[in-house]
Amino acid sequence: MLKWSIIFLVVALIAGVLGFTGIAGAAAEMAKILFFLFIGIFVLMLVIGLFIGRSVTK
C-alpha cells in the first residue's frame, strides 16, 4: 500500500510539472488517503503484535 502511495505521489508531481492540475490534485489526494490508510493499518498490526507477543511469552 505504501508502494502505491509513492506511485501516486510521483504521478502527482509529474502531472503538476506538466500543468495537468486536475490530475495532479486527484493523484495527490489518492496518495494522501493511501498513506494514512497504510499508517493506520501499520499501527493496528503493531498493537496486535505486541499483545500477541506478550501472551505467547507468558
PDB file of N, CA and C in Angstrom:
ATOM      1  N   MET A   1       0.831  -1.184   0.000  1.00  0.00           N
ATOM      2  CA  MET A   1       0.000   0.000   0.000  1.00  0.00           C
ATOM      3  C   MET A   1       0.877   1.250   0.000  1.00  0.00           C
ATOM      4  N   LEU A   2       1.979   1.188   0.717  1.00  0.00           N
ATOM      5  CA  LEU A   2       2.896   2.324   0.723  1.00  0.00           C
ATOM      6  C   LEU A   2       3.496   2.516  -0.667  1.00  0.00           C
ATOM      7  N   LYS A   3       3.711   1.422  -1.373  1.00  0.00           N
ATOM      8  CA  LYS A   3       4.245   1.479  -2.737  1.00  0.00           C
ATOM      9  C   LYS A   3       3.288   2.243  -3.654  1.00  0.00           C
ATOM     10  N   TRP A   4       1.993   1.958  -3.548  1.00  0.00           N
ATOM     11  CA  TRP A   4       1.002   2.650  -4.376  1.00  0.00           C
ATOM     12  C   TRP A   4       0.918   4.119  -4.008  1.00  0.00           C
ATOM     13  N   SER A   5       1.070   4.419  -2.732  1.00  0.00           N
ATOM     14  CA  SER A   5       1.045   5.809  -2.291  1.00  0.00           C
ATOM     15  C   SER A   5       2.203   6.586  -2.920  1.00  0.00           C
ATOM     16  N   ILE A   6       3.368   5.987  -2.964  1.00  0.00           N
ATOM     17  CA  ILE A   6       4.529   6.639  -3.562  1.00  0.00           C
ATOM     18  C   ILE A   6       4.336   6.796  -5.072  1.00  0.00           C
ATOM     19  N   ILE A   7       3.748   5.783  -5.712  1.00  0.00           N
ATOM     20  CA  ILE A   7       3.490   5.868  -7.150  1.00  0.00           C
ATOM     21  C   ILE A   7       2.541   7.025  -7.456  1.00  0.00           C
ATOM     22  N   PHE A   8       1.459   7.149  -6.680  1.00  0.00           N
ATOM     23  CA  PHE A   8       0.518   8.253  -6.901  1.00  0.00           C
ATOM     24  C   PHE A   8       1.175   9.602  -6.627  1.00  0.00           C
ATOM     25  N   LEU A   9       2.067   9.654  -5.650  1.00  0.00           N
ATOM     26  CA  LEU A   9       2.778  10.897  -5.371  1.00  0.00           C
ATOM     27  C   LEU A   9       3.657  11.299  -6.545  1.00  0.00           C
ATOM     28  N   VAL A  10       4.355  10.346  -7.127  1.00  0.00           N
ATOM     29  CA  VAL A  10       5.207  10.641  -8.286  1.00  0.00           C
ATOM     30  C   VAL A  10       4.355  11.086  -9.475  1.00  0.00           C
ATOM     31  N   VAL A  11       3.223  10.414  -9.687  1.00  0.00           N
ATOM     32  CA  VAL A  11       2.313  10.815 -10.774  1.00  0.00           C
ATOM     33  C   VAL A  11       1.822  12.244 -10.540  1.00  0.00           C
ATOM     34  N   ALA A  12       1.495  12.568  -9.309  1.00  0.00           N
ATOM     35  CA  ALA A  12       1.023  13.925  -8.997  1.00  0.00           C
ATOM     36  C   ALA A  12       2.109  14.961  -9.260  1.00  0.00           C
ATOM     37  N   LEU A  13       3.339  14.646  -8.894  1.00  0.00           N
ATOM     38  CA  LEU A  13       4.429  15.587  -9.120  1.00  0.00           C
ATOM     39  C   LEU A  13       4.684  15.799 -10.608  1.00  0.00           C
ATOM     40  N   ILE A  14       4.695  14.716 -11.369  1.00  0.00           N
ATOM     41  CA  ILE A  14       4.925  14.828 -12.807  1.00  0.00           C
ATOM     42  C   ILE A  14       3.782  15.582 -13.478  1.00  0.00           C
ATOM     43  N   ALA A  15       2.550  15.263 -13.102  1.00  0.00           N
ATOM     44  CA  ALA A  15       1.396  15.956 -13.687  1.00  0.00           C
ATOM     45  C   ALA A  15       1.402  17.432 -13.313  1.00  0.00           C
ATOM     46  N   GLY A  16       1.817  17.742 -12.100  1.00  0.00           N
ATOM     47  CA  GLY A  16       1.897  19.140 -11.692  1.00  0.00           C
ATOM     48  C   GLY A  16       2.929  19.919 -12.478  1.00  0.00           C
ATOM     49  N   VAL A  17       4.073  19.299 -12.742  1.00  0.00           N
ATOM     50  CA  VAL A  17       5.117  19.953 -13.520  1.00  0.00           C
ATOM     51  C   VAL A  17       4.657  20.186 -14.957  1.00  0.00           C
ATOM     52  N   LEU A  18       3.907  19.226 -15.503  1.00  0.00           N
ATOM     53  CA  LEU A  18       3.447  19.349 -16.881  1.00  0.00           C
ATOM     54  C   LEU A  18       2.196  20.218 -17.025  1.00  0.00           C
ATOM     55  N   GLY A  19       1.605  20.639 -15.907  1.00  0.00           N
ATOM     56  CA  GLY A  19       0.478  21.557 -15.966  1.00  0.00           C
ATOM     57  C   GLY A  19      -0.893  20.906 -15.900  1.00  0.00           C
ATOM     58  N   PHE A  20      -0.951  19.630 -15.648  1.00  0.00           N
ATOM     59  CA  PHE A  20      -2.240  18.937 -15.524  1.00  0.00           C
ATOM     60  C   PHE A  20      -2.689  19.021 -14.065  1.00  0.00           C
ATOM     61  N   THR A  21      -3.260  20.148 -13.685  1.00  0.00           N
ATOM     62  CA  THR A  21      -3.565  20.386 -12.271  1.00  0.00           C
ATOM     63  C   THR A  21      -4.681  19.488 -11.751  1.00  0.00           C
ATOM     64  N   GLY A  22      -5.658  19.160 -12.584  1.00  0.00           N
ATOM     65  CA  GLY A  22      -6.744  18.286 -12.138  1.00  0.00           C
ATOM     66  C   GLY A  22      -6.251  16.892 -11.815  1.00  0.00           C
ATOM     67  N   ILE A  23      -5.435  16.357 -12.693  1.00  0.00           N
ATOM     68  CA  ILE A  23      -4.881  15.023 -12.477  1.00  0.00           C
ATOM     69  C   ILE A  23      -3.917  15.047 -11.297  1.00  0.00           C
ATOM     70  N   ALA A  24      -3.131  16.109 -11.185  1.00  0.00           N
ATOM     71  CA  ALA A  24      -2.178  16.224 -10.085  1.00  0.00           C
ATOM     72  C   ALA A  24      -2.902  16.277  -8.745  1.00  0.00           C
ATOM     73  N   GLY A  25      -3.986  17.011  -8.671  1.00  0.00           N
ATOM     74  CA  GLY A  25      -4.742  17.101  -7.420  1.00  0.00           C
ATOM     75  C   GLY A  25      -5.377  15.776  -7.038  1.00  0.00           C
ATOM     76  N   ALA A  26      -5.937  15.096  -8.028  1.00  0.00           N
ATOM     77  CA  ALA A  26      -6.566  13.802  -7.751  1.00  0.00           C
ATOM     78  C   ALA A  26      -5.532  12.768  -7.318  1.00  0.00           C
ATOM     79  N   ALA A  27      -4.390  12.744  -7.981  1.00  0.00           N
ATOM     80  CA  ALA A  27      -3.344  11.786  -7.630  1.00  0.00           C
ATOM     81  C   ALA A  27      -2.763  12.087  -6.248  1.00  0.00           C
ATOM     82  N   ALA A  28      -2.605  13.356  -5.933  1.00  0.00           N
ATOM     83  CA  ALA A  28      -2.089  13.733  -4.617  1.00  0.00           C
ATOM     84  C   ALA A  28      -3.080  13.346  -3.519  1.00  0.00           C
ATOM     85  N   GLU A  29      -4.349  13.549  -3.778  1.00  0.00           N
ATOM     86  CA  GLU A  29      -5.368  13.174  -2.791  1.00  0.00           C
ATOM     87  C   GLU A  29      -5.386  11.662  -2.573  1.00  0.00           C
ATOM     88  N   MET A  30      -5.278  10.898  -3.654  1.00  0.00           N
ATOM     89  CA  MET A  30      -5.245   9.445  -3.541  1.00  0.00           C
ATOM     90  C   MET A  30      -3.992   8.994  -2.788  1.00  0.00           C
ATOM     91  N   ALA A  31      -2.860   9.633  -3.055  1.00  0.00           N
ATOM     92  CA  ALA A  31      -1.628   9.295  -2.348  1.00  0.00           C
ATOM     93  C   ALA A  31      -1.774   9.563  -0.854  1.00  0.00           C
ATOM     94  N   LYS A  32      -2.421  10.678  -0.506  1.00  0.00           N
ATOM     95  CA  LYS A  32      -2.607  11.023   0.901  1.00  0.00           C
ATOM     96  C   LYS A  32      -3.520  10.015   1.594  1.00  0.00           C
ATOM     97  N   ILE A  33      -4.602   9.624   0.933  1.00  0.00           N
ATOM     98  CA  ILE A  33      -5.531   8.643   1.506  1.00  0.00           C
ATOM     99  C   ILE A  33      -4.844   7.309   1.728  1.00  0.00           C
ATOM    100  N   LEU A  34      -4.111   6.843   0.726  1.00  0.00           N
ATOM    101  CA  LEU A  34      -3.424   5.557   0.845  1.00  0.00           C
ATOM    102  C   LEU A  34      -2.344   5.601   1.921  1.00  0.00           C
ATOM    103  N   PHE A  35      -1.649   6.735   2.039  1.00  0.00           N
ATOM    104  CA  PHE A  35      -0.606   6.850   3.055  1.00  0.00           C
ATOM    105  C   PHE A  35      -1.192   6.765   4.458  1.00  0.00           C
ATOM    106  N   PHE A  36      -2.275   7.489   4.716  1.00  0.00           N
ATOM    107  CA  PHE A  36      -2.872   7.453   6.050  1.00  0.00           C
ATOM    108  C   PHE A  36      -3.522   6.101   6.336  1.00  0.00           C
ATOM    109  N   LEU A  37      -4.054   5.456   5.318  1.00  0.00           N
ATOM    110  CA  LEU A  37      -4.584   4.103   5.485  1.00  0.00           C
ATOM    111  C   LEU A  37      -3.457   3.139   5.846  1.00  0.00           C
ATOM    112  N   PHE A  38      -2.315   3.268   5.183  1.00  0.00           N
ATOM    113  CA  PHE A  38      -1.148   2.447   5.495  1.00  0.00           C
ATOM    114  C   PHE A  38      -0.690   2.669   6.935  1.00  0.00           C
ATOM    115  N   ILE A  39      -0.606   3.925   7.356  1.00  0.00           N
ATOM    116  CA  ILE A  39      -0.176   4.231   8.725  1.00  0.00           C
ATOM    117  C   ILE A  39      -1.152   3.636   9.739  1.00  0.00           C
ATOM    118  N   GLY A  40      -2.453   3.754   9.483  1.00  0.00           N
ATOM    119  CA  GLY A  40      -3.452   3.196  10.397  1.00  0.00           C
ATOM    120  C   GLY A  40      -3.342   1.682  10.516  1.00  0.00           C
ATOM    121  N   ILE A  41      -3.203   1.001   9.400  1.00  0.00           N
ATOM    122  CA  ILE A  41      -3.075  -0.461   9.427  1.00  0.00           C
ATOM    123  C   ILE A  41      -1.764  -0.867  10.088  1.00  0.00           C
ATOM    124  N   PHE A  42      -0.692  -0.112   9.852  1.00  0.00           N
ATOM    125  CA  PHE A  42       0.592  -0.402  10.476  1.00  0.00           C
ATOM    126  C   PHE A  42       0.502  -0.313  11.993  1.00  0.00           C
ATOM    127  N   VAL A  43      -0.107   0.749  12.496  1.00  0.00           N
ATOM    128  CA  VAL A  43      -0.242   0.923  13.948  1.00  0.00           C
ATOM    129  C   VAL A  43      -1.130  -0.179  14.535  1.00  0.00           C
ATOM    130  N   LEU A  44      -2.221  -0.512  13.858  1.00  0.00           N
ATOM    131  CA  LEU A  44      -3.103  -1.579  14.319  1.00  0.00           C
ATOM    132  C   LEU A  44      -2.357  -2.905  14.404  1.00  0.00           C
ATOM    133  N   MET A  45      -1.601  -3.251  13.390  1.00  0.00           N
ATOM    134  CA  MET A  45      -0.845  -4.508  13.395  1.00  0.00           C
ATOM    135  C   MET A  45       0.259  -4.489  14.448  1.00  0.00           C
ATOM    136  N   LEU A  46       0.853  -3.332  14.683  1.00  0.00           N
ATOM    137  CA  LEU A  46       1.880  -3.207  15.713  1.00  0.00           C
ATOM    138  C   LEU A  46       1.296  -3.474  17.094  1.00  0.00           C
ATOM    139  N   VAL A  47       0.138  -2.894  17.382  1.00  0.00           N
ATOM    140  CA  VAL A  47      -0.513  -3.100  18.677  1.00  0.00           C
ATOM    141  C   VAL A  47      -0.944  -4.556  18.836  1.00  0.00           C
ATOM    142  N   ILE A  48      -1.525  -5.135  17.802  1.00  0.00           N
ATOM    143  CA  ILE A  48      -1.932  -6.545  17.862  1.00  0.00           C
ATOM    144  C   ILE A  48      -0.715  -7.433  18.076  1.00  0.00           C
ATOM    145  N   GLY A  49       0.375  -7.142  17.382  1.00  0.00           N
ATOM    146  CA  GLY A  49       1.604  -7.924  17.544  1.00  0.00           C
ATOM    147  C   GLY A  49       2.168  -7.835  18.947  1.00  0.00           C
ATOM    148  N   LEU A  50       2.082  -6.663  19.557  1.00  0.00           N
ATOM    149  CA  LEU A  50       2.581  -6.518  20.927  1.00  0.00           C
ATOM    150  C   LEU A  50       1.742  -7.327  21.905  1.00  0.00           C
ATOM    151  N   PHE A  51       0.417  -7.314  21.745  1.00  0.00           N
ATOM    152  CA  PHE A  51      -0.436  -8.075  22.648  1.00  0.00           C
ATOM    153  C   PHE A  51      -0.269  -9.574  22.450  1.00  0.00           C
ATOM    154  N   ILE A  52      -0.150 -10.021  21.222  1.00  0.00           N
ATOM    155  CA  ILE A  52       0.021 -11.455  20.962  1.00  0.00           C
ATOM    156  C   ILE A  52       1.408 -11.897  21.432  1.00  0.00           C
ATOM    157  N   GLY A  53       2.410 -11.059  21.226  1.00  0.00           N
ATOM    158  CA  GLY A  53       3.759 -11.392  21.668  1.00  0.00           C
ATOM    159  C   GLY A  53       3.842 -11.538  23.182  1.00  0.00           C
ATOM    160  N   ARG A  54       3.138 -10.702  23.888  1.00  0.00           N
ATOM    161  CA  ARG A  54       3.142 -10.792  25.356  1.00  0.00           C
ATOM    162  C   ARG A  54       2.411 -12.049  25.832  1.00  0.00           C
ATOM    163  N   SER A  55       1.317 -12.403  25.144  1.00  0.00           N
ATOM    164  CA  SER A  55       0.563 -13.589  25.581  1.00  0.00           C
ATOM    165  C   SER A  55       1.301 -14.863  25.247  1.00  0.00           C
ATOM    166  N   VAL A  56       2.107 -14.883  24.212  1.00  0.00           N
ATOM    167  CA  VAL A  56       2.853 -16.074  23.849  1.00  0.00           C
ATOM    168  C   VAL A  56       4.036 -16.271  24.774  1.00  0.00           C
ATOM    169  N   THR A  57       4.684 -15.198  25.203  1.00  0.00           N
ATOM    170  CA  THR A  57       5.863 -15.331  26.046  1.00  0.00           C
ATOM    171  C   THR A  57       5.540 -15.611  27.503  1.00  0.00           C
ATOM    172  N   LYS A  58       4.290 -15.453  27.938  1.00  0.00           N
ATOM    173  CA  LYS A  58       3.925 -15.716  29.332  1.00  0.00           C
ATOM    174  C   LYS A  58       3.750 -17.173  29.594  1.00  0.00           C
TER     175      LYS A  58
END
